[in-house]
């Protein structure tokens, strides 16, 4: 016989008690299965950094070098006589997307800009008629433009503008202000010489995903055609994966997180009641599975669940923009002129780079901006042209 005071604990420890099932499931999931299966997922809380970060970073650098050489061979094998320049100036037909690739010389062995340009060129060729009026412009903002060998190679295939061949050298400024002025120059050149409907400013280490154009066309024709999205100051096509968790300072994600709990909680609870042959779904069971699913998604990594949206262009989402980073930015023509006007009165510096400056305008000017999820480009540049880092890591 157990003492009277131990009876509640004994009742709790019975295997028929659902809370024993929940405890066992929680320990098995978060104590065993998830750590074992997710320890090499870079953007998961279960990622074992001390074991995998250095070898994964070195492997990424090696593969990036291989991709750079592959891109170099791509352009070397193109028959120049059969490939006229994609832009020769003048007015273009309506519904044109101008892809302006901003580039400076850095780490020649990686051929970053060749990786970006070759992928865009191949995707445009495969896209066919829907992309026949999409054009590429290379904007060389290196202070010694003639020494930028990759940009010189691309000049055989695309139109190239060179800031420091057209403008006198400017007085010394900090590198963040120079980056902003380079950005302005490329945007101005895109507007002055051509007549596109949208301008995509892409940095030279932002490689487009394979489904880039089908998704972008869907967004432009359906989602971004809505009145509340048409007037956006910009649309980001990339946000760092490490900043895509729910527990980040982007409150709009909390609703998505709660939605996962509201969907998965009843679903998993219903499956549990059927498996355990219970007569009904109680609130305690529903709430447990809601919190269980929310915790699982967050700890495994929101980034990996966002990848499920790549199944179809209509699954991609457009949400309010977050602050960091400008590898790929989409502007309508009216918004491009507003950005130029706003940037004219802003001075960038350490801690207030152009991405932070753009984000600050949303509140100062009453503007709105959006980001596409999941990312439509991959950021491959581990060696920044603004922030110096001799020993880069993936995170």
Protein backbone atom coordinates (compact mmCIF):
# COMPACT_ATOMS: atom_id res chain seq x y z
CA UNK A 1 0.00 0.00 0.00
CA UNK A 2 1.27 3.50 -0.93
CA UNK A 3 1.00 6.29 1.64
CA UNK A 4 -2.04 8.45 1.10
CA UNK A 5 0.09 11.45 0.04
CA UNK A 6 1.66 9.52 -2.86
CA UNK A 7 -1.59 8.54 -4.57
CA UNK A 8 -1.79 11.64 -6.85
CA UNK A 9 1.79 11.12 -8.00
CA UNK A 10 1.09 7.46 -8.63
CA UNK A 11 -1.97 8.38 -10.65
CA UNK A 12 0.09 10.83 -12.69
CA UNK A 13 2.75 8.21 -13.42
CA UNK A 14 0.29 5.79 -14.94
CA UNK A 15 1.07 5.30 -18.64
CA UNK A 16 -2.60 5.84 -19.45
CA UNK A 17 -2.27 9.43 -18.27
CA UNK A 18 -1.91 11.69 -21.36
CA UNK A 19 0.60 13.89 -19.52
CA UNK A 20 2.96 10.95 -19.36
CA UNK A 21 2.60 10.65 -23.13
CA UNK A 22 3.30 14.36 -23.53
CA UNK A 23 6.36 14.19 -21.29
CA UNK A 24 7.74 11.22 -23.20
CA UNK A 25 7.05 12.91 -26.55
CA UNK A 26 8.74 16.13 -25.42
CA UNK A 27 11.85 14.33 -24.18
CA UNK A 28 12.06 12.16 -27.28
CA UNK A 29 11.60 15.12 -29.65
CA UNK A 30 13.68 17.88 -28.06
CA UNK A 31 16.11 15.74 -26.14
CA UNK A 32 16.94 13.05 -28.69
CA UNK A 33 15.46 13.20 -32.20
CA UNK A 34 15.76 16.91 -33.00
CA UNK A 35 19.32 17.31 -31.68
CA UNK A 36 20.46 14.25 -33.64
CA UNK A 37 18.75 15.15 -36.93
CA UNK A 38 19.30 18.94 -36.85
CA UNK A 39 22.84 19.24 -35.52
CA UNK A 40 24.16 20.10 -39.01
CA UNK A 41 21.38 22.53 -39.95
CA UNK A 42 23.14 25.88 -40.00
CA UNK A 43 20.09 27.96 -39.03
CA UNK A 44 18.72 25.65 -36.34
CA UNK A 45 19.07 26.11 -32.59
CA UNK A 46 20.32 22.52 -32.52
CA UNK A 47 23.26 23.35 -34.81
CA UNK A 48 26.54 22.30 -33.14
CA UNK A 49 28.66 25.26 -34.08
CA UNK A 50 31.91 24.10 -32.51
CA UNK A 51 31.84 20.87 -34.55
CA UNK A 52 30.59 21.98 -37.93
CA UNK A 53 31.08 25.73 -38.48
CA UNK A 54 34.73 25.73 -39.54
CA UNK A 55 34.56 22.73 -41.91
CA UNK A 56 31.24 23.93 -43.38
CA UNK A 57 32.68 27.41 -43.95
CA UNK A 58 35.74 26.00 -45.69
CA UNK A 59 33.58 23.72 -47.79
CA UNK A 60 31.38 26.67 -48.78
CA UNK A 61 34.42 28.71 -49.79
CA UNK A 62 35.77 25.84 -51.89
CA UNK A 63 32.43 25.31 -53.64
CA UNK A 64 32.15 29.05 -54.20
CA UNK A 65 35.52 29.03 -55.95
CA UNK A 66 34.33 26.17 -58.13
CA UNK A 67 31.14 28.07 -58.98
CA UNK A 68 33.25 31.11 -59.85
CA UNK A 69 35.38 29.10 -62.29
CA UNK A 70 32.25 27.54 -63.74
CA UNK A 71 30.80 31.02 -64.35
CA UNK A 72 34.06 32.13 -65.98
CA UNK A 73 33.95 29.16 -68.35
CA UNK A 74 30.28 29.93 -69.09
CA UNK A 75 31.15 33.31 -70.57
CA UNK A 76 34.33 32.09 -72.22
CA UNK A 77 32.31 29.50 -74.12
CA UNK A 78 29.64 31.90 -75.31
CA UNK A 79 29.89 32.82 -78.94
CA UNK A 80 30.12 36.60 -78.88
CA UNK A 81 29.01 36.88 -82.49
CA UNK A 82 25.77 35.10 -81.64
CA UNK A 83 25.07 37.08 -78.51
CA UNK A 84 24.50 40.79 -79.00
CA UNK A 85 24.52 43.09 -76.02
CA UNK A 86 21.31 42.87 -74.08
CA UNK A 87 21.04 46.62 -73.71
CA UNK A 88 22.04 49.25 -76.22
CA UNK A 89 20.22 52.21 -74.75
CA UNK A 90 17.11 54.05 -75.76
CA UNK A 91 13.49 53.43 -74.96
CA UNK A 92 12.49 49.87 -74.30
CA UNK A 93 9.07 48.24 -74.83
CA UNK A 94 6.56 48.33 -71.96
CA UNK A 95 6.60 45.83 -69.08
CA UNK A 96 10.40 45.78 -68.89
CA UNK A 97 12.40 44.65 -65.90
CA UNK A 98 15.89 46.13 -65.83
CA UNK A 99 18.33 44.06 -63.78
CA UNK A 100 21.21 46.29 -62.71
CA UNK A 101 24.13 44.41 -61.17
CA UNK A 102 26.29 46.64 -58.96
CA UNK A 103 29.88 45.47 -58.84
CA UNK A 104 33.32 46.31 -57.48
CA UNK A 105 36.50 44.30 -57.84
CA UNK A 106 37.20 41.84 -55.02
CA UNK A 107 38.60 38.34 -54.56
CA UNK A 108 39.10 37.53 -58.22
CA UNK A 109 39.26 33.78 -57.58
CA UNK A 110 35.56 33.76 -56.63
CA UNK A 111 34.29 35.71 -59.69
CA UNK A 112 31.23 36.82 -57.75
CA UNK A 113 29.81 39.06 -60.45
CA UNK A 114 30.28 36.34 -63.07
CA UNK A 115 28.31 33.93 -60.90
CA UNK A 116 25.43 36.40 -60.67
CA UNK A 117 25.48 37.44 -64.33
CA UNK A 118 25.79 33.89 -65.67
CA UNK A 119 22.86 32.68 -63.57
CA UNK A 120 20.67 35.59 -64.65
CA UNK A 121 21.62 35.10 -68.29
CA UNK A 122 20.87 31.38 -68.20
CA UNK A 123 17.56 31.89 -66.44
CA UNK A 124 16.56 34.54 -68.97
CA UNK A 125 17.38 32.17 -71.82
CA UNK A 126 15.31 29.41 -70.23
CA UNK A 127 12.44 31.75 -69.40
CA UNK A 128 11.64 32.42 -73.05
CA UNK A 129 8.93 34.90 -74.22
CA UNK A 130 7.84 36.06 -70.74
CA UNK A 131 11.36 37.42 -70.22
CA UNK A 132 12.09 38.74 -73.70
CA UNK A 133 12.10 42.36 -72.52
CA UNK A 134 14.03 41.77 -69.31
CA UNK A 135 17.47 43.34 -69.63
CA UNK A 136 20.77 43.31 -67.75
CA UNK A 137 22.99 46.30 -67.03
CA UNK A 138 26.40 46.04 -65.30
CA UNK A 139 27.18 49.01 -63.08
CA UNK A 140 30.92 49.12 -62.37
CA UNK A 141 31.56 51.32 -59.30
CA UNK A 142 35.15 50.28 -58.70
CA UNK A 143 37.45 53.26 -58.16
CA UNK A 144 39.77 51.78 -60.78
CA UNK A 145 37.16 50.48 -63.24
CA UNK A 146 39.56 49.37 -65.96
CA UNK A 147 41.26 46.96 -63.53
CA UNK A 148 37.97 45.16 -62.82
CA UNK A 149 38.68 42.17 -65.05
CA UNK A 150 35.34 40.41 -64.58
CA UNK A 151 33.40 43.57 -65.42
CA UNK A 152 35.57 44.02 -68.52
CA UNK A 153 34.71 40.47 -69.59
CA UNK A 154 30.99 41.13 -69.09
CA UNK A 155 31.25 44.26 -71.25
CA UNK A 156 31.47 41.90 -74.24
CA UNK A 157 27.96 40.65 -73.53
CA UNK A 158 26.10 43.36 -71.62
CA UNK A 159 26.04 47.12 -71.47
CA UNK A 160 28.32 48.45 -68.75
CA UNK A 161 28.45 51.85 -67.07
CA UNK A 162 31.50 52.94 -65.10
CA UNK A 163 31.06 55.54 -62.42
CA UNK A 164 34.67 56.58 -62.04
CA UNK A 165 35.26 56.80 -65.78
CA UNK A 166 32.40 59.28 -66.09
CA UNK A 167 32.76 61.30 -62.88
CA UNK A 168 35.82 63.00 -61.37
CA UNK A 169 37.17 61.41 -58.21
CA UNK A 170 35.15 62.56 -55.21
CA UNK A 171 36.68 63.85 -51.99
CA UNK A 172 37.40 61.14 -49.41
CA UNK A 173 34.31 59.79 -47.67
CA UNK A 174 33.74 56.85 -45.38
CA UNK A 175 33.13 53.53 -47.13
CA UNK A 176 29.46 53.43 -46.09
CA UNK A 177 28.76 56.80 -47.67
CA UNK A 178 30.65 55.72 -50.79
CA UNK A 179 28.48 52.60 -50.99
CA UNK A 180 25.35 54.77 -50.79
CA UNK A 181 26.60 57.12 -53.52
CA UNK A 182 27.48 54.16 -55.73
CA UNK A 183 23.95 52.88 -55.21
CA UNK A 184 22.52 56.27 -56.21
CA UNK A 185 24.69 56.37 -59.33
CA UNK A 186 23.51 52.94 -60.50
CA UNK A 187 19.89 53.82 -59.86
CA UNK A 188 20.23 57.13 -61.73
CA UNK A 189 21.87 55.41 -64.71
CA UNK A 190 19.11 52.82 -64.79
CA UNK A 191 16.51 55.58 -64.92
CA UNK A 192 18.33 57.95 -67.30
CA UNK A 193 19.18 55.54 -70.10
CA UNK A 194 16.23 53.17 -70.14
CA UNK A 195 12.51 53.17 -69.58
CA UNK A 196 11.70 50.06 -67.51
CA UNK A 197 8.62 49.49 -65.39
CA UNK A 198 10.70 48.08 -62.55
CA UNK A 199 14.36 48.19 -61.62
CA UNK A 200 16.01 45.34 -59.77
CA UNK A 201 19.23 46.49 -58.11
CA UNK A 202 21.33 43.40 -57.38
CA UNK A 203 24.65 43.35 -55.60
CA UNK A 204 27.36 41.29 -57.25
CA UNK A 205 27.21 38.45 -54.73
CA UNK A 206 23.44 37.77 -54.84
CA UNK A 207 22.83 34.73 -57.05
CA UNK A 208 19.19 34.23 -58.14
CA UNK A 209 17.35 31.03 -57.27
CA UNK A 210 16.23 28.70 -60.06
CA UNK A 211 12.58 29.75 -59.71
CA UNK A 212 13.42 33.46 -59.70
CA UNK A 213 11.50 34.62 -62.77
CA UNK A 214 8.33 32.49 -62.42
CA UNK A 215 7.96 33.73 -58.84
CA UNK A 216 8.78 37.34 -59.70
CA UNK A 217 6.30 37.35 -62.59
CA UNK A 218 3.59 35.96 -60.34
CA UNK A 219 4.31 38.61 -57.73
CA UNK A 220 4.34 41.48 -60.23
CA UNK A 221 1.19 40.38 -62.04
CA UNK A 222 -0.94 39.44 -59.03
CA UNK A 223 0.36 40.35 -55.60
CA UNK A 224 2.29 43.57 -56.31
CA UNK A 225 -0.44 44.87 -58.60
CA UNK A 226 -2.66 45.51 -55.58
CA UNK A 227 -3.02 49.15 -54.63
CA UNK A 228 -1.54 48.88 -51.13
CA UNK A 229 1.59 47.19 -52.55
CA UNK A 230 2.05 49.30 -55.69
CA UNK A 231 3.17 52.35 -53.71
CA UNK A 232 5.81 50.50 -51.68
CA UNK A 233 9.15 52.25 -51.45
CA UNK A 234 10.91 48.96 -52.22
CA UNK A 235 10.47 45.20 -52.14
CA UNK A 236 13.33 43.14 -50.71
CA UNK A 237 14.03 39.79 -52.30
CA UNK A 238 16.46 38.69 -49.59
CA UNK A 239 16.67 38.70 -45.80
CA UNK A 240 19.46 36.86 -43.91
CA UNK A 241 18.43 33.37 -42.85
CA UNK A 242 19.93 33.85 -39.41
CA UNK A 243 17.39 36.66 -38.80
CA UNK A 244 14.32 34.72 -39.94
CA UNK A 245 13.44 33.12 -36.58
CA UNK A 246 10.21 33.97 -34.82
CA UNK A 247 12.09 35.17 -31.74
CA UNK A 248 13.44 38.24 -33.52
CA UNK A 249 12.34 41.87 -33.30
CA UNK A 250 9.80 41.51 -36.13
CA UNK A 251 6.41 41.37 -34.38
CA UNK A 252 4.46 40.53 -37.55
CA UNK A 253 5.92 37.02 -37.38
CA UNK A 254 4.21 36.34 -34.06
CA UNK A 255 0.86 36.08 -35.86
CA UNK A 256 2.35 33.51 -38.25
CA UNK A 257 3.77 31.61 -35.29
CA UNK A 258 0.41 31.59 -33.53
CA UNK A 259 -1.19 30.46 -36.77
CA UNK A 260 1.06 27.40 -36.83
CA UNK A 261 -0.06 26.54 -33.32
CA UNK A 262 -3.73 27.06 -34.20
CA UNK A 263 -3.40 24.79 -37.23
CA UNK A 264 -1.12 22.08 -35.88
CA UNK A 265 -2.59 21.97 -32.39
CA UNK A 266 -6.04 20.67 -33.41
CA UNK A 267 -4.55 18.48 -36.15
CA UNK A 268 -2.02 16.72 -33.93
CA UNK A 269 -4.52 16.63 -31.08
CA UNK A 270 -7.09 14.91 -33.27
CA UNK A 271 -4.51 12.33 -34.39
CA UNK A 272 -3.51 11.76 -30.77
CA UNK A 273 -7.09 11.21 -29.60
CA UNK A 274 -7.68 8.72 -32.40
CA UNK A 275 -4.44 6.86 -31.64
CA UNK A 276 -5.14 6.77 -27.89
CA UNK A 277 -8.84 5.96 -28.47
CA UNK A 278 -10.10 8.88 -26.45
CA UNK A 279 -13.67 10.01 -26.83
CA UNK A 280 -13.00 13.72 -27.35
CA UNK A 281 -10.31 16.35 -27.83
CA UNK A 282 -9.78 18.27 -24.59
CA UNK A 283 -8.42 21.80 -24.29
CA UNK A 284 -5.33 20.54 -22.48
CA UNK A 285 -4.45 18.22 -25.36
CA UNK A 286 -5.08 20.94 -27.94
CA UNK A 287 -2.94 23.50 -26.09
CA UNK A 288 -0.08 21.05 -25.58
CA UNK A 289 0.18 20.23 -29.27
CA UNK A 290 -0.16 23.89 -30.21
CA UNK A 291 2.82 24.83 -28.02
CA UNK A 292 4.67 21.67 -29.06
CA UNK A 293 4.40 22.51 -32.78
CA UNK A 294 5.31 26.17 -32.24
CA UNK A 295 8.41 25.22 -30.25
CA UNK A 296 9.42 22.60 -32.80
CA UNK A 297 9.23 25.03 -35.73
CA UNK A 298 11.23 27.68 -33.87
CA UNK A 299 13.97 25.35 -32.63
CA UNK A 300 14.40 23.44 -35.89
CA UNK A 301 14.46 26.77 -37.74
CA UNK A 302 11.78 28.85 -39.43
CA UNK A 303 14.02 29.12 -42.49
CA UNK A 304 13.62 25.42 -43.27
CA UNK A 305 9.84 25.55 -43.04
CA UNK A 306 9.80 28.61 -45.33
CA UNK A 307 11.50 26.46 -47.96
CA UNK A 308 8.22 24.51 -48.31
CA UNK A 309 6.77 27.60 -49.97
CA UNK A 310 8.97 26.98 -53.01
CA UNK A 311 6.52 24.30 -54.14
CA UNK A 312 4.61 26.93 -56.13
CA UNK A 313 4.95 30.68 -56.84
CA UNK A 314 1.57 31.35 -55.22
CA UNK A 315 2.89 29.96 -51.93
CA UNK A 316 5.46 32.75 -51.56
CA UNK A 317 4.49 35.43 -49.07
CA UNK A 318 4.94 39.19 -48.99
CA UNK A 319 5.29 40.67 -45.51
CA UNK A 320 6.38 44.05 -44.11
CA UNK A 321 10.09 44.61 -44.66
CA UNK A 322 12.69 44.23 -41.95
CA UNK A 323 15.83 46.29 -41.64
CA UNK A 324 18.94 44.41 -42.64
CA UNK A 325 20.61 44.07 -45.99
CA UNK A 326 20.10 45.05 -49.64
CA UNK A 327 21.48 42.27 -51.90
CA UNK A 328 18.40 42.38 -54.17
CA UNK A 329 15.95 45.29 -54.13
CA UNK A 330 13.00 45.82 -56.46
CA UNK A 331 11.88 49.39 -57.21
CA UNK A 332 9.02 50.71 -59.27
CA UNK A 333 9.88 53.85 -61.24
CA UNK A 334 7.98 56.23 -58.91
CA UNK A 335 9.57 54.65 -55.84
CA UNK A 336 13.04 54.85 -57.41
CA UNK A 337 12.68 58.61 -57.81
CA UNK A 338 11.52 58.92 -54.19
CA UNK A 339 14.54 56.94 -52.99
CA UNK A 340 16.87 59.26 -54.89
CA UNK A 341 15.20 62.28 -53.33
CA UNK A 342 15.40 60.84 -49.83
CA UNK A 343 19.00 59.64 -50.16
CA UNK A 344 20.12 63.10 -51.24
CA UNK A 345 19.66 64.34 -47.68
CA UNK A 346 21.13 61.33 -45.86
CA UNK A 347 24.74 60.79 -44.83
CA UNK A 348 25.75 57.17 -44.22
CA UNK A 349 28.35 56.11 -41.68
CA UNK A 350 29.37 53.24 -39.44
CA UNK A 351 26.16 51.89 -37.91
CA UNK A 352 24.01 53.73 -40.45
CA UNK A 353 24.69 52.01 -43.77
CA UNK A 354 22.37 52.29 -46.77
CA UNK A 355 20.11 49.42 -45.63
CA UNK A 356 19.55 51.08 -42.26
CA UNK A 357 19.06 54.42 -43.98
CA UNK A 358 16.41 52.97 -46.30
CA UNK A 359 14.59 51.36 -43.40
CA UNK A 360 14.64 54.60 -41.40
CA UNK A 361 12.81 56.34 -44.25
CA UNK A 362 9.78 54.13 -43.74
CA UNK A 363 9.02 55.84 -40.45
CA UNK A 364 10.33 59.28 -41.30
CA UNK A 365 8.42 59.60 -44.57
CA UNK A 366 5.41 57.44 -43.83
CA UNK A 367 6.44 54.92 -46.48
CA UNK A 368 5.94 51.16 -46.55
CA UNK A 369 8.16 48.36 -47.86
CA UNK A 370 7.92 44.59 -48.12
CA UNK A 371 10.06 41.48 -48.23
CA UNK A 372 9.43 38.27 -50.17
CA UNK A 373 9.67 34.97 -48.27
CA UNK A 374 11.48 32.68 -48.86
CA UNK A 375 14.47 34.46 -50.42
CA UNK A 376 14.68 34.76 -54.20
CA UNK A 377 18.47 35.15 -54.16
CA UNK A 378 21.32 33.45 -52.31
CA UNK A 379 24.00 35.62 -50.74
CA UNK A 380 27.29 33.93 -51.68
CA UNK A 381 29.77 36.69 -50.86
CA UNK A 382 31.65 35.78 -47.70
CA UNK A 383 34.23 38.53 -48.35
CA UNK A 384 32.48 41.88 -47.99
CA UNK A 385 33.47 44.94 -50.00
CA UNK A 386 32.50 47.19 -47.05
CA UNK A 387 33.40 45.27 -43.89
CA UNK A 388 36.82 43.68 -43.90
CA UNK A 389 37.07 40.05 -42.77
CA UNK A 390 40.08 37.87 -43.49
CA UNK A 391 38.56 34.76 -41.92
CA UNK A 392 34.87 34.67 -42.90
CA UNK A 393 32.38 32.26 -41.39
CA UNK A 394 28.95 31.23 -42.59
CA UNK A 395 27.36 32.88 -39.55
